[in-house]
């Protein structure tokens, strides 16, 4: 697996990528080795983040309309997925959003360790291709609806801090704890990979 670099808002060159509108992936290129490797690398990164909910391609410097969601987010709303392929959302389109909205606490890998309240629709319906290029429609509420909106914003060059109120930075003690947990998760994940190769 390639080690991904997470682009940060505070870096002017990286922020240009984060602020760009991403391009759709042609349907016949979804299963290309290049795009599948990108998906696999993003998936691995998310697996070893103790505070990770999802990750969009622009956050790793690739302006493609693609994001992945952690399985923990589906579990949090009592949703089961048929396959890990369905954790991948390519060329997502918003079909419908609820009129009802709610202020929700959010953070972002690209605005690291900052959090704030963002007004989001409480329910949303989207369509997207999965990792295998199969188009599916998803209805979502709660944190899953929030994640869908946050990630689609990324694909349109929008960061949560553009919309957030009450922005606050995480305490250094919490940052240190997350760093420690992340290193432990990476160690365990790499050990699992070595065992699976035997």
Protein backbone atom coordinates (compact mmCIF):
# COMPACT_ATOMS: atom_id res chain seq x y z
CA UNK A 1 0.00 0.00 0.00
CA UNK A 2 1.20 3.49 -0.79
CA UNK A 3 1.42 5.90 2.11
CA UNK A 4 -1.04 8.67 1.38
CA UNK A 5 -0.44 12.32 2.10
CA UNK A 6 -3.46 14.16 3.43
CA UNK A 7 -3.74 17.61 1.91
CA UNK A 8 -4.21 20.45 4.37
CA UNK A 9 -6.12 23.71 4.08
CA UNK A 10 -3.26 25.63 5.70
CA UNK A 11 -0.88 24.71 2.84
CA UNK A 12 -1.55 27.13 -0.08
CA UNK A 13 -0.66 24.64 -2.84
CA UNK A 14 -2.61 21.80 -1.26
CA UNK A 15 -5.54 24.13 -0.60
CA UNK A 16 -5.78 24.81 -4.35
CA UNK A 17 -6.51 21.11 -4.88
CA UNK A 18 -8.98 21.02 -1.99
CA UNK A 19 -10.78 24.04 -3.46
CA UNK A 20 -11.05 22.64 -6.99
CA UNK A 21 -14.20 21.00 -8.34
CA UNK A 22 -13.39 17.34 -8.95
CA UNK A 23 -14.01 15.56 -12.24
CA UNK A 24 -16.24 12.54 -12.78
CA UNK A 25 -14.60 9.18 -13.37
CA UNK A 26 -15.76 7.69 -16.71
CA UNK A 27 -17.78 4.57 -15.96
CA UNK A 28 -15.50 2.38 -18.08
CA UNK A 29 -12.50 3.53 -16.02
CA UNK A 30 -13.91 2.80 -12.56
CA UNK A 31 -12.32 -0.66 -12.43
CA UNK A 32 -8.99 0.45 -13.93
CA UNK A 33 -5.89 -0.52 -11.96
CA UNK A 34 -5.17 3.16 -11.27
CA UNK A 35 -8.55 3.85 -9.73
CA UNK A 36 -8.70 0.54 -7.85
CA UNK A 37 -5.30 1.24 -6.32
CA UNK A 38 -6.44 4.70 -5.26
CA UNK A 39 -9.51 3.17 -3.61
CA UNK A 40 -7.43 0.50 -1.85
CA UNK A 41 -4.92 3.06 -0.57
CA UNK A 42 -7.70 5.32 0.70
CA UNK A 43 -9.42 2.37 2.35
CA UNK A 44 -6.24 1.35 4.17
CA UNK A 45 -5.69 4.92 5.38
CA UNK A 46 -9.21 5.14 6.77
CA UNK A 47 -8.91 1.76 8.50
CA UNK A 48 -6.11 3.05 10.75
CA UNK A 49 -7.71 6.35 11.77
CA UNK A 50 -9.36 6.19 15.20
CA UNK A 51 -11.42 9.31 14.45
CA UNK A 52 -12.08 8.72 10.76
CA UNK A 53 -15.59 8.68 9.27
CA UNK A 54 -14.83 9.04 5.56
CA UNK A 55 -12.26 10.23 3.05
CA UNK A 56 -12.61 12.00 -0.31
CA UNK A 57 -10.12 11.74 -3.17
CA UNK A 58 -9.28 15.49 -3.20
CA UNK A 59 -7.99 15.06 0.35
CA UNK A 60 -5.20 12.88 -1.01
CA UNK A 61 -4.48 15.23 -3.90
CA UNK A 62 -6.66 13.60 -6.55
CA UNK A 63 -9.49 15.68 -8.01
CA UNK A 64 -11.80 12.77 -8.83
CA UNK A 65 -15.41 12.44 -7.70
CA UNK A 66 -14.82 9.60 -5.29
CA UNK A 67 -15.13 9.07 -1.55
CA UNK A 68 -15.16 6.13 0.84
CA UNK A 69 -17.01 5.72 4.13
CA UNK A 70 -15.94 3.79 7.22
CA UNK A 71 -18.08 0.71 7.98
CA UNK A 72 -18.42 2.06 11.53
CA UNK A 73 -20.63 4.86 10.19
CA UNK A 74 -23.06 2.35 8.71
CA UNK A 75 -23.07 0.41 11.98
CA UNK A 76 -23.81 3.60 13.90
CA UNK A 77 -27.12 4.01 12.06
CA UNK A 78 -27.96 0.30 12.12
CA UNK A 79 -27.28 -0.24 8.43
CA UNK A 80 -25.74 -3.38 6.96
CA UNK A 81 -23.75 -3.37 3.74
CA UNK A 82 -23.71 -6.29 1.34
CA UNK A 83 -20.04 -5.89 0.45
CA UNK A 84 -17.03 -3.68 1.18
CA UNK A 85 -17.44 -2.53 -2.42
CA UNK A 86 -20.46 -0.55 -1.21
CA UNK A 87 -18.27 1.59 1.06
CA UNK A 88 -17.03 3.29 -2.11
CA UNK A 89 -19.02 6.12 -3.70
CA UNK A 90 -18.05 7.21 -7.22
CA UNK A 91 -19.65 10.10 -9.13
CA UNK A 92 -22.25 10.64 -6.39
CA UNK A 93 -25.35 12.68 -7.19
CA UNK A 94 -27.76 14.16 -4.69
CA UNK A 95 -31.30 13.12 -5.58
CA UNK A 96 -33.15 14.61 -2.64
CA UNK A 97 -32.53 16.35 0.68
CA UNK A 98 -34.96 16.91 3.52
CA UNK A 99 -36.20 20.39 4.36
CA UNK A 100 -35.52 19.62 7.99
CA UNK A 101 -31.95 20.41 9.05
CA UNK A 102 -29.85 20.21 12.19
CA UNK A 103 -26.60 21.65 13.53
CA UNK A 104 -24.08 18.79 13.68
CA UNK A 105 -20.56 18.59 15.10
CA UNK A 106 -17.95 18.00 12.39
CA UNK A 107 -14.22 17.71 11.85
CA UNK A 108 -12.02 16.94 8.85
CA UNK A 109 -8.67 15.32 8.06
CA UNK A 110 -7.83 18.36 5.89
CA UNK A 111 -8.60 20.88 8.64
CA UNK A 112 -6.92 18.69 11.21
CA UNK A 113 -7.96 18.79 14.83
CA UNK A 114 -10.52 21.56 14.35
CA UNK A 115 -14.22 21.00 15.01
CA UNK A 116 -17.37 23.05 14.60
CA UNK A 117 -21.14 22.95 14.15
CA UNK A 118 -22.45 22.64 10.59
CA UNK A 119 -26.08 22.85 9.50
CA UNK A 120 -26.96 19.71 7.52
CA UNK A 121 -30.14 18.18 6.13
CA UNK A 122 -31.25 15.39 8.44
CA UNK A 123 -32.03 13.05 5.53
CA UNK A 124 -30.60 12.67 2.05
CA UNK A 125 -30.90 10.37 -0.96
CA UNK A 126 -27.95 9.92 -3.31
CA UNK A 127 -26.95 7.70 -6.20
CA UNK A 128 -23.38 6.57 -6.86
CA UNK A 129 -21.30 3.82 -8.43
CA UNK A 130 -19.59 1.39 -6.06
CA UNK A 131 -16.08 -0.04 -6.34
CA UNK A 132 -17.17 -2.54 -9.00
CA UNK A 133 -18.93 0.10 -11.09
CA UNK A 134 -22.45 -0.89 -10.02
CA UNK A 135 -24.81 2.08 -9.63
CA UNK A 136 -26.81 2.15 -6.41
CA UNK A 137 -29.20 4.51 -4.66
CA UNK A 138 -28.83 5.25 -0.96
CA UNK A 139 -31.25 6.87 1.44
CA UNK A 140 -29.65 8.02 4.68
CA UNK A 141 -30.38 9.79 7.93
CA UNK A 142 -28.38 10.73 11.00
CA UNK A 143 -24.61 10.63 10.85
CA UNK A 144 -24.62 8.81 7.49
CA UNK A 145 -26.59 11.67 5.90
CA UNK A 146 -24.14 14.09 7.46
CA UNK A 147 -21.15 12.19 6.08
CA UNK A 148 -22.63 12.03 2.58
CA UNK A 149 -23.11 15.82 2.57
CA UNK A 150 -19.64 16.50 4.00
CA UNK A 151 -17.92 14.29 1.41
CA UNK A 152 -19.89 15.61 -1.57
CA UNK A 153 -18.90 19.11 -0.43
CA UNK A 154 -15.26 18.00 -0.74
CA UNK A 155 -15.86 17.03 -4.36
CA UNK A 156 -17.17 20.55 -5.00
CA UNK A 157 -14.22 22.29 -3.35
CA UNK A 158 -16.05 23.10 -0.11
CA UNK A 159 -14.63 22.46 3.37
CA UNK A 160 -16.72 22.11 6.52
CA UNK A 161 -15.04 25.16 8.06
CA UNK A 162 -16.62 27.30 5.32
CA UNK A 163 -20.00 26.56 6.87
CA UNK A 164 -19.12 25.90 10.51
CA UNK A 165 -19.94 27.90 13.60
CA UNK A 166 -18.14 27.75 16.93
CA UNK A 167 -14.86 26.43 15.50
CA UNK A 168 -12.58 25.08 18.22
CA UNK A 169 -9.25 23.27 18.17
CA UNK A 170 -8.87 19.93 19.90
CA UNK A 171 -6.76 19.90 23.07
CA UNK A 172 -3.14 18.78 22.76
CA UNK A 173 -3.82 15.91 25.16
CA UNK A 174 -6.55 14.59 22.85
CA UNK A 175 -4.33 15.05 19.79
CA UNK A 176 -1.56 13.07 21.50
CA UNK A 177 -4.02 10.31 22.40
CA UNK A 178 -5.29 10.05 18.82
CA UNK A 179 -1.72 9.90 17.51
CA UNK A 180 -0.95 7.06 19.92
CA UNK A 181 -4.11 5.16 18.92
CA UNK A 182 -3.39 5.66 15.21
CA UNK A 183 0.13 4.22 15.54
CA UNK A 184 -1.24 1.21 17.41
CA UNK A 185 -3.93 0.64 14.76
CA UNK A 186 -1.31 0.84 11.98
CA UNK A 187 0.85 -1.69 13.83
CA UNK A 188 -2.05 -4.11 14.27
CA UNK A 189 -3.24 -3.68 10.66
CA UNK A 190 0.25 -4.33 9.28
CA UNK A 191 0.58 -7.42 11.47
CA UNK A 192 -2.73 -8.74 10.09
CA UNK A 193 -1.51 -8.20 6.54
CA UNK A 194 1.68 -10.17 7.22
CA UNK A 195 -0.31 -13.09 8.64
CA UNK A 196 -2.71 -13.11 5.69
CA UNK A 197 0.20 -13.33 3.23
CA UNK A 198 1.59 -16.50 4.84
